[in-house]
Amino acid sequence: MAIYALTLTIPGGTTASNPATAKMQVPFGKLIKCIFIPDSSSNGNVGVQLWRGLKPILPRNQNAWIITDFPLVIDGVDEKIDRESNLIILKGYNSNTYDVTVQMLLDVMEEGEK
């Protein structure tokens, strides 16, 4: 398994209807676990979503957001990463007046690993 990191700085005033995004390609395989790590200044005013191409992964509902002030581990994600799309997108909104940074760690079991 390999760990991939993606960081998103969300400008203050960014809305859910026009979220900030960060993107990265990951190898084919299976997404096992995600860890969202907001900076300590989020104060419940920051929401994030994880997408694979055009498909929401976390949360599965494209209109829902993960809101947390503390590191959040989501185990058992079980999302296949295949040729359809291996583009991972972290989206975020921030209703604070200042920028907030969120880091996401992905645990990916690459194709062929056991």
N, C-alpha and C. Protein backbone atom coordinates (compact mmCIF):
# COMPACT_ATOMS: atom_id res chain seq x y z
N MET A 1 0.84 -1.18 0.00
CA MET A 1 0.00 0.00 0.00
C MET A 1 0.88 1.24 0.00
N ALA A 2 0.34 2.29 -0.57
CA ALA A 2 1.08 3.55 -0.65
C ALA A 2 0.19 4.68 -0.13
N ILE A 3 0.82 5.66 0.50
CA ILE A 3 0.12 6.82 1.02
C ILE A 3 0.38 8.00 0.09
N TYR A 4 -0.68 8.68 -0.30
CA TYR A 4 -0.59 9.86 -1.15
C TYR A 4 -1.17 11.04 -0.40
N ALA A 5 -0.56 12.20 -0.52
CA ALA A 5 -1.00 13.40 0.20
C ALA A 5 -1.43 14.47 -0.79
N LEU A 6 -2.49 15.16 -0.44
CA LEU A 6 -2.99 16.26 -1.25
C LEU A 6 -3.36 17.39 -0.30
N THR A 7 -2.92 18.60 -0.60
CA THR A 7 -3.19 19.75 0.26
C THR A 7 -4.01 20.77 -0.50
N LEU A 8 -5.02 21.31 0.18
CA LEU A 8 -5.90 22.32 -0.41
C LEU A 8 -5.98 23.51 0.53
N THR A 9 -5.58 24.68 0.06
CA THR A 9 -5.79 25.91 0.80
C THR A 9 -7.04 26.57 0.24
N ILE A 10 -8.02 26.78 1.12
CA ILE A 10 -9.32 27.29 0.70
C ILE A 10 -9.41 28.76 1.12
N PRO A 11 -9.50 29.66 0.16
CA PRO A 11 -9.59 31.08 0.51
C PRO A 11 -10.84 31.39 1.34
N GLY A 12 -10.72 32.35 2.25
CA GLY A 12 -11.88 32.79 3.00
C GLY A 12 -12.98 33.25 2.06
N GLY A 13 -14.23 32.91 2.39
CA GLY A 13 -15.36 33.31 1.57
C GLY A 13 -15.67 32.40 0.40
N THR A 14 -14.95 31.29 0.26
CA THR A 14 -15.22 30.35 -0.83
C THR A 14 -16.54 29.62 -0.54
N THR A 15 -17.44 29.61 -1.51
CA THR A 15 -18.77 29.01 -1.32
C THR A 15 -18.81 27.55 -1.75
N ALA A 16 -19.81 26.84 -1.24
CA ALA A 16 -20.02 25.44 -1.63
C ALA A 16 -20.43 25.34 -3.10
N SER A 17 -21.05 26.36 -3.63
CA SER A 17 -21.47 26.33 -5.03
C SER A 17 -20.31 26.58 -6.00
N ASN A 18 -19.20 27.10 -5.50
CA ASN A 18 -18.02 27.34 -6.32
C ASN A 18 -16.77 27.00 -5.48
N PRO A 19 -16.60 25.71 -5.16
CA PRO A 19 -15.54 25.34 -4.21
C PRO A 19 -14.14 25.44 -4.81
N ALA A 20 -13.17 25.59 -3.91
CA ALA A 20 -11.76 25.48 -4.30
C ALA A 20 -11.46 24.01 -4.55
N THR A 21 -10.49 23.71 -5.41
CA THR A 21 -10.17 22.32 -5.72
C THR A 21 -8.66 22.10 -5.77
N ALA A 22 -8.28 20.87 -5.46
CA ALA A 22 -6.91 20.39 -5.67
C ALA A 22 -7.05 19.01 -6.29
N LYS A 23 -6.17 18.69 -7.24
CA LYS A 23 -6.29 17.43 -7.98
C LYS A 23 -4.97 16.68 -7.99
N MET A 24 -5.07 15.35 -8.08
CA MET A 24 -3.89 14.53 -8.30
C MET A 24 -4.30 13.19 -8.90
N GLN A 25 -3.38 12.61 -9.64
CA GLN A 25 -3.59 11.27 -10.22
C GLN A 25 -3.01 10.25 -9.25
N VAL A 26 -3.71 9.14 -9.06
CA VAL A 26 -3.20 8.05 -8.24
C VAL A 26 -3.15 6.79 -9.09
N PRO A 27 -2.33 5.81 -8.70
CA PRO A 27 -2.24 4.58 -9.50
C PRO A 27 -3.55 3.79 -9.44
N PHE A 28 -3.72 2.93 -10.43
CA PHE A 28 -4.87 2.04 -10.42
C PHE A 28 -4.79 1.13 -9.21
N GLY A 29 -5.93 0.80 -8.66
CA GLY A 29 -5.99 -0.08 -7.49
C GLY A 29 -7.26 0.18 -6.71
N LYS A 30 -7.13 0.26 -5.37
CA LYS A 30 -8.29 0.45 -4.52
C LYS A 30 -7.95 1.44 -3.41
N LEU A 31 -8.82 2.43 -3.25
CA LEU A 31 -8.70 3.38 -2.16
C LEU A 31 -9.24 2.72 -0.90
N ILE A 32 -8.39 2.59 0.11
CA ILE A 32 -8.74 1.87 1.33
C ILE A 32 -9.17 2.81 2.45
N LYS A 33 -8.41 3.91 2.62
CA LYS A 33 -8.62 4.80 3.76
C LYS A 33 -8.31 6.23 3.36
N CYS A 34 -9.05 7.17 3.97
CA CYS A 34 -8.81 8.60 3.79
C CYS A 34 -8.67 9.24 5.16
N ILE A 35 -7.75 10.17 5.26
CA ILE A 35 -7.59 10.95 6.49
C ILE A 35 -7.65 12.42 6.10
N PHE A 36 -8.62 13.13 6.65
CA PHE A 36 -8.76 14.57 6.43
C PHE A 36 -8.15 15.27 7.64
N ILE A 37 -7.27 16.22 7.40
CA ILE A 37 -6.61 16.95 8.49
C ILE A 37 -6.79 18.45 8.24
N PRO A 38 -7.79 19.06 8.92
CA PRO A 38 -7.96 20.51 8.77
C PRO A 38 -6.97 21.25 9.66
N ASP A 39 -6.63 22.48 9.30
CA ASP A 39 -5.80 23.24 10.23
C ASP A 39 -6.67 23.67 11.41
N SER A 40 -6.04 24.08 12.47
CA SER A 40 -6.75 24.33 13.73
C SER A 40 -7.68 25.53 13.68
N SER A 41 -7.65 26.30 12.61
CA SER A 41 -8.48 27.51 12.54
C SER A 41 -9.79 27.33 11.78
N SER A 42 -10.17 26.09 11.45
CA SER A 42 -11.36 25.90 10.62
C SER A 42 -12.65 26.26 11.35
N ASN A 43 -12.73 26.05 12.65
CA ASN A 43 -13.87 26.48 13.48
C ASN A 43 -15.23 26.04 12.96
N GLY A 44 -15.31 24.86 12.35
CA GLY A 44 -16.60 24.34 11.88
C GLY A 44 -17.15 25.06 10.66
N ASN A 45 -16.33 25.89 10.04
CA ASN A 45 -16.80 26.69 8.90
C ASN A 45 -16.22 26.22 7.56
N VAL A 46 -15.66 25.03 7.55
CA VAL A 46 -15.02 24.50 6.35
C VAL A 46 -15.63 23.13 6.04
N GLY A 47 -15.97 22.91 4.77
CA GLY A 47 -16.48 21.62 4.34
C GLY A 47 -15.64 21.09 3.20
N VAL A 48 -15.45 19.77 3.17
CA VAL A 48 -14.68 19.16 2.09
C VAL A 48 -15.43 17.97 1.50
N GLN A 49 -15.09 17.68 0.26
CA GLN A 49 -15.60 16.50 -0.45
C GLN A 49 -14.43 15.87 -1.19
N LEU A 50 -14.50 14.55 -1.37
CA LEU A 50 -13.51 13.83 -2.16
C LEU A 50 -14.22 13.21 -3.36
N TRP A 51 -13.68 13.48 -4.55
CA TRP A 51 -14.26 12.99 -5.79
C TRP A 51 -13.24 12.16 -6.55
N ARG A 52 -13.74 11.24 -7.36
CA ARG A 52 -12.91 10.52 -8.35
C ARG A 52 -13.52 10.85 -9.69
N GLY A 53 -12.83 11.70 -10.45
CA GLY A 53 -13.40 12.16 -11.72
C GLY A 53 -14.70 12.91 -11.46
N LEU A 54 -15.79 12.47 -12.07
CA LEU A 54 -17.08 13.12 -11.90
C LEU A 54 -17.95 12.48 -10.83
N LYS A 55 -17.38 11.57 -10.05
CA LYS A 55 -18.14 10.78 -9.07
C LYS A 55 -17.72 11.14 -7.64
N PRO A 56 -18.70 11.53 -6.80
CA PRO A 56 -18.34 11.78 -5.40
C PRO A 56 -18.00 10.47 -4.67
N ILE A 57 -16.95 10.51 -3.87
CA ILE A 57 -16.56 9.34 -3.07
C ILE A 57 -16.96 9.56 -1.61
N LEU A 58 -16.56 10.68 -1.06
CA LEU A 58 -16.86 11.02 0.34
C LEU A 58 -17.32 12.46 0.43
N PRO A 59 -18.49 12.73 0.94
CA PRO A 59 -19.58 11.77 1.09
C PRO A 59 -20.13 11.35 -0.28
N ARG A 60 -20.89 10.30 -0.31
CA ARG A 60 -21.43 9.78 -1.58
C ARG A 60 -22.44 10.74 -2.20
N ASN A 61 -23.11 11.52 -1.36
CA ASN A 61 -24.09 12.51 -1.83
C ASN A 61 -23.34 13.77 -2.24
N GLN A 62 -23.46 14.19 -3.47
CA GLN A 62 -22.70 15.33 -3.97
C GLN A 62 -23.11 16.65 -3.32
N ASN A 63 -24.24 16.68 -2.62
CA ASN A 63 -24.69 17.90 -1.95
C ASN A 63 -24.32 17.92 -0.46
N ALA A 64 -23.66 16.87 0.02
CA ALA A 64 -23.25 16.79 1.42
C ALA A 64 -21.76 17.12 1.52
N TRP A 65 -21.32 17.55 2.70
CA TRP A 65 -19.93 17.94 2.94
C TRP A 65 -19.45 17.32 4.24
N ILE A 66 -18.18 17.03 4.30
CA ILE A 66 -17.56 16.58 5.55
C ILE A 66 -17.09 17.84 6.27
N ILE A 67 -17.56 18.03 7.49
CA ILE A 67 -17.20 19.19 8.29
C ILE A 67 -16.58 18.68 9.59
N THR A 68 -15.32 19.02 9.81
CA THR A 68 -14.64 18.58 11.02
C THR A 68 -13.56 19.58 11.40
N ASP A 69 -13.38 19.76 12.70
CA ASP A 69 -12.31 20.62 13.21
C ASP A 69 -11.09 19.80 13.61
N PHE A 70 -11.22 18.49 13.57
CA PHE A 70 -10.17 17.60 14.02
C PHE A 70 -9.85 16.59 12.92
N PRO A 71 -8.66 15.98 12.97
CA PRO A 71 -8.36 14.94 11.98
C PRO A 71 -9.47 13.87 11.98
N LEU A 72 -9.85 13.46 10.80
CA LEU A 72 -10.93 12.48 10.63
C LEU A 72 -10.42 11.34 9.78
N VAL A 73 -10.46 10.12 10.33
CA VAL A 73 -10.03 8.92 9.62
C VAL A 73 -11.28 8.19 9.12
N ILE A 74 -11.33 7.94 7.83
CA ILE A 74 -12.44 7.19 7.25
C ILE A 74 -11.85 5.91 6.68
N ASP A 75 -12.08 4.81 7.37
CA ASP A 75 -11.54 3.51 6.99
C ASP A 75 -12.60 2.74 6.20
N GLY A 76 -12.18 1.76 5.42
CA GLY A 76 -13.11 0.93 4.67
C GLY A 76 -13.78 1.65 3.51
N VAL A 77 -13.08 2.58 2.90
CA VAL A 77 -13.65 3.35 1.79
C VAL A 77 -13.98 2.42 0.61
N ASP A 78 -13.05 1.54 0.26
CA ASP A 78 -13.28 0.50 -0.75
C ASP A 78 -13.73 1.07 -2.10
N GLU A 79 -12.99 2.06 -2.60
CA GLU A 79 -13.31 2.67 -3.90
C GLU A 79 -12.29 2.20 -4.94
N LYS A 80 -12.79 1.55 -5.98
CA LYS A 80 -11.90 1.07 -7.04
C LYS A 80 -11.41 2.25 -7.88
N ILE A 81 -10.11 2.30 -8.09
CA ILE A 81 -9.48 3.31 -8.94
C ILE A 81 -9.07 2.60 -10.22
N ASP A 82 -9.75 2.93 -11.32
CA ASP A 82 -9.49 2.19 -12.56
C ASP A 82 -9.28 3.15 -13.73
N ARG A 83 -9.27 2.59 -14.90
CA ARG A 83 -9.01 3.38 -16.10
C ARG A 83 -10.10 4.40 -16.39
N GLU A 84 -11.29 4.18 -15.83
CA GLU A 84 -12.38 5.15 -16.00
C GLU A 84 -11.92 6.52 -15.50
N SER A 85 -11.29 6.53 -14.34
CA SER A 85 -10.72 7.78 -13.82
C SER A 85 -9.85 7.48 -12.61
N ASN A 86 -8.62 7.92 -12.70
CA ASN A 86 -7.74 7.84 -11.54
C ASN A 86 -7.38 9.25 -11.06
N LEU A 87 -8.23 10.21 -11.44
CA LEU A 87 -8.06 11.59 -11.01
C LEU A 87 -8.84 11.80 -9.71
N ILE A 88 -8.12 12.12 -8.64
CA ILE A 88 -8.73 12.38 -7.35
C ILE A 88 -8.82 13.90 -7.17
N ILE A 89 -9.99 14.35 -6.73
CA ILE A 89 -10.23 15.78 -6.56
C ILE A 89 -10.71 16.04 -5.13
N LEU A 90 -10.03 16.94 -4.45
CA LEU A 90 -10.45 17.42 -3.14
C LEU A 90 -11.11 18.77 -3.35
N LYS A 91 -12.37 18.90 -2.92
CA LYS A 91 -13.11 20.16 -3.06
C LYS A 91 -13.37 20.72 -1.67
N GLY A 92 -13.41 22.03 -1.56
CA GLY A 92 -13.68 22.62 -0.26
C GLY A 92 -14.29 24.00 -0.32
N TYR A 93 -15.12 24.28 0.71
CA TYR A 93 -15.64 25.63 0.90
C TYR A 93 -15.17 26.15 2.25
N ASN A 94 -15.22 27.46 2.44
CA ASN A 94 -14.71 28.07 3.65
C ASN A 94 -15.49 29.34 3.92
N SER A 95 -16.37 29.32 4.91
CA SER A 95 -17.16 30.52 5.21
C SER A 95 -16.45 31.45 6.22
N ASN A 96 -15.22 31.11 6.58
CA ASN A 96 -14.41 32.03 7.39
C ASN A 96 -14.00 33.22 6.52
N THR A 97 -13.45 34.26 7.15
CA THR A 97 -12.95 35.41 6.40
C THR A 97 -11.47 35.25 6.07
N TYR A 98 -10.85 34.19 6.54
CA TYR A 98 -9.42 33.93 6.33
C TYR A 98 -9.24 32.57 5.66
N ASP A 99 -8.09 32.35 5.06
CA ASP A 99 -7.78 31.09 4.37
C ASP A 99 -7.61 29.96 5.38
N VAL A 100 -8.02 28.76 4.97
CA VAL A 100 -7.85 27.56 5.79
C VAL A 100 -7.26 26.46 4.90
N THR A 101 -6.32 25.70 5.44
CA THR A 101 -5.69 24.61 4.69
C THR A 101 -6.16 23.27 5.23
N VAL A 102 -6.48 22.37 4.31
CA VAL A 102 -6.88 21.01 4.65
C VAL A 102 -5.92 20.07 3.94
N GLN A 103 -5.41 19.09 4.66
CA GLN A 103 -4.58 18.06 4.04
C GLN A 103 -5.38 16.76 4.01
N MET A 104 -5.22 16.02 2.94
CA MET A 104 -5.87 14.73 2.81
C MET A 104 -4.80 13.68 2.54
N LEU A 105 -4.85 12.61 3.29
CA LEU A 105 -3.96 11.47 3.05
C LEU A 105 -4.81 10.31 2.54
N LEU A 106 -4.35 9.68 1.47
CA LEU A 106 -5.06 8.55 0.87
C LEU A 106 -4.21 7.30 0.98
N ASP A 107 -4.80 6.23 1.43
CA ASP A 107 -4.13 4.93 1.50
C ASP A 107 -4.65 4.11 0.31
N VAL A 108 -3.79 3.87 -0.66
CA VAL A 108 -4.18 3.18 -1.89
C VAL A 108 -3.45 1.85 -2.00
N MET A 109 -4.22 0.77 -2.16
CA MET A 109 -3.63 -0.54 -2.47
C MET A 109 -3.53 -0.60 -3.99
N GLU A 110 -2.30 -0.53 -4.48
CA GLU A 110 -2.10 -0.48 -5.92
C GLU A 110 -2.44 -1.81 -6.58
N GLU A 111 -2.84 -1.75 -7.84
CA GLU A 111 -3.23 -2.93 -8.61
C GLU A 111 -2.11 -3.97 -8.52
N GLY A 112 -2.47 -5.21 -8.23
CA GLY A 112 -1.48 -6.29 -8.14
C GLY A 112 -0.99 -6.54 -6.73
N GLU A 113 -1.23 -5.61 -5.79
CA GLU A 113 -0.83 -5.82 -4.40
C GLU A 113 -1.84 -6.73 -3.70
N LYS A 114 -1.37 -7.40 -2.69
CA LYS A 114 -2.27 -8.24 -1.88
C LYS A 114 -2.15 -7.87 -0.44
